[in-house]
C-alpha atoms as a PDB file:
ATOM      1  CA  GLN A   1      42.840  62.524 132.745  1.00  0.00           C
ATOM      2  CA  HIS A   2      43.227  64.436 129.506  1.00  0.00           C
ATOM      3  CA  ASP A   3      40.286  65.350 127.263  1.00  0.00           C
ATOM      4  CA  PHE A   4      40.815  65.997 123.668  1.00  0.00           C
ATOM      5  CA  SER A   5      38.574  65.954 120.474  1.00  0.00           C
ATOM      6  CA  ILE A   6      39.208  65.108 116.913  1.00  0.00           C
ATOM      7  CA  ASN A   7      37.069  66.680 114.114  1.00  0.00           C
ATOM      8  CA  PHE A   8      36.725  64.789 110.828  1.00  0.00           C
ATOM      9  CA  GLN A   9      35.815  66.443 107.670  1.00  0.00           C
ATOM     10  CA  PRO A  10      34.615  64.578 104.555  1.00  0.00           C
ATOM     11  CA  PRO A  11      36.729  64.967 101.440  1.00  0.00           C
ATOM     12  CA  GLY A  12      35.475  67.950  99.265  1.00  0.00           C
ATOM     13  CA  LEU A  13      35.176  68.126  95.539  1.00  0.00           C
ATOM     14  CA  PRO A  14      38.443  68.264  93.544  1.00  0.00           C
ATOM     15  CA  ASP A  15      39.199  71.085  91.052  1.00  0.00           C
ATOM     16  CA  PRO A  16      39.668  69.991  87.318  1.00  0.00           C
ATOM     17  CA  PRO A  17      43.262  69.648  86.087  1.00  0.00           C
ATOM     18  CA  ASN A  18      45.067  72.799  85.005  1.00  0.00           C
ATOM     19  CA  GLN A  19      47.066  73.505  81.700  1.00  0.00           C
ATOM     20  CA  LEU A  20      45.935  70.314  79.852  1.00  0.00           C
ATOM     21  CA  GLN A  21      48.123  70.010  76.709  1.00  0.00           C
ATOM     22  CA  ALA A  22      48.445  67.505  73.879  1.00  0.00           C
ATOM     23  CA  ILE A  23      52.261  67.362  72.883  1.00  0.00           C
ATOM     24  CA  ASN A  24      54.054  65.311  70.506  1.00  0.00           C
ATOM     25  CA  VAL A  25      51.036  64.824  68.376  1.00  0.00           C
ATOM     26  CA  THR A  26      51.582  62.651  65.315  1.00  0.00           C
ATOM     27  CA  HIS A  27      49.202  60.889  62.942  1.00  0.00           C
ATOM     28  CA  SER A  28      48.995  57.850  65.269  1.00  0.00           C
ATOM     29  CA  SER A  29      50.057  59.065  68.791  1.00  0.00           C
ATOM     30  CA  PHE A  30      50.104  61.916  71.293  1.00  0.00           C
ATOM     31  CA  ILE A  31      51.019  62.672  74.962  1.00  0.00           C
ATOM     32  CA  LEU A  32      48.626  64.513  77.389  1.00  0.00           C
ATOM     33  CA  THR A  33      50.179  66.504  80.133  1.00  0.00           C
ATOM     34  CA  TRP A  34      48.581  68.526  82.949  1.00  0.00           C
ATOM     35  CA  GLN A  35      49.123  70.047  86.332  1.00  0.00           C
ATOM     36  CA  THR A  36      47.031  68.587  89.147  1.00  0.00           C
ATOM     37  CA  ALA A  37      44.871  71.056  91.051  1.00  0.00           C
ATOM     38  CA  TYR A  38      43.284  70.962  94.487  1.00  0.00           C
ATOM     39  CA  ASN A  39      42.530  67.180  95.312  1.00  0.00           C
ATOM     40  CA  GLY A  40      39.765  67.746  97.795  1.00  0.00           C
ATOM     41  CA  GLY A  41      41.592  65.729 100.377  1.00  0.00           C
ATOM     42  CA  SER A  42      41.590  62.405  98.359  1.00  0.00           C
ATOM     43  CA  ASN A  43      43.699  60.787  95.854  1.00  0.00           C
ATOM     44  CA  LEU A  44      43.031  61.682  92.358  1.00  0.00           C
ATOM     45  CA  ILE A  45      41.972  59.291  89.357  1.00  0.00           C
ATOM     46  CA  TYR A  46      41.786  60.709  85.871  1.00  0.00           C
ATOM     47  CA  HIS A  47      39.492  59.014  83.229  1.00  0.00           C
ATOM     48  CA  ILE A  48      40.357  59.669  79.755  1.00  0.00           C
ATOM     49  CA  SER A  49      38.149  58.400  76.595  1.00  0.00           C
ATOM     50  CA  LEU A  50      39.534  58.281  73.326  1.00  0.00           C
ATOM     51  CA  ASN A  51      37.018  58.152  70.408  1.00  0.00           C
ATOM     52  CA  GLY A  52      38.765  57.068  67.152  1.00  0.00           C
ATOM     53  CA  ASN A  53      36.880  55.908  64.235  1.00  0.00           C
ATOM     54  CA  ARG A  54      33.078  54.920  64.452  1.00  0.00           C
ATOM     55  CA  THR A  55      33.750  51.625  66.020  1.00  0.00           C
ATOM     56  CA  GLU A  56      36.632  52.243  68.462  1.00  0.00           C
ATOM     57  CA  GLU A  57      36.321  53.583  71.994  1.00  0.00           C
ATOM     58  CA  ARG A  58      38.864  53.100  74.707  1.00  0.00           C
ATOM     59  CA  GLN A  59      39.048  54.407  78.236  1.00  0.00           C
ATOM     60  CA  THR A  60      41.709  54.260  80.957  1.00  0.00           C
ATOM     61  CA  THR A  61      42.002  55.190  84.486  1.00  0.00           C
ATOM     62  CA  LEU A  62      45.025  57.277  85.405  1.00  0.00           C
ATOM     63  CA  ASN A  63      46.642  58.596  88.671  1.00  0.00           C
ATOM     64  CA  SER A  64      49.614  60.431  87.126  1.00  0.00           C
ATOM     65  CA  ILE A  65      49.861  63.639  85.258  1.00  0.00           C
ATOM     66  CA  ARG A  66      51.123  62.231  81.950  1.00  0.00           C
ATOM     67  CA  PHE A  67      49.269  59.884  79.435  1.00  0.00           C
ATOM     68  CA  THR A  68      50.751  58.608  76.195  1.00  0.00           C
ATOM     69  CA  GLY A  69      47.929  57.539  73.611  1.00  0.00           C
ATOM     70  CA  LYS A  70      48.015  55.809  70.418  1.00  0.00           C
ATOM     71  CA  PHE A  71      44.975  55.613  68.021  1.00  0.00           C
ATOM     72  CA  ASN A  72      44.323  54.202  64.500  1.00  0.00           C
ATOM     73  CA  SER A  73      42.683  56.134  61.849  1.00  0.00           C
ATOM     74  CA  ASP A  74      40.108  54.414  59.500  1.00  0.00           C
ATOM     75  CA  VAL A  75      40.029  56.335  56.492  1.00  0.00           C
ATOM     76  CA  SER A  76      37.905  53.756  54.458  1.00  0.00           C
ATOM     77  CA  SER A  77      34.375  54.855  53.788  1.00  0.00           C
END
């Protein structure tokens, strides 16, 4: 008979992403890139909220390190 033990450890808290950058920014689009940090032992999901004009808010859930976004500007008063 062989005895052995397995120790389980719950996932820890992840670190925030590193080197967040907005690139290729135009009047209606942009690309966000970042480097993933320590994931705490779990898969990471990123939430990005975009606030455009007063009536527009979008949120997306990501599991990659690149996000391409488009936004509409409302210049009317």
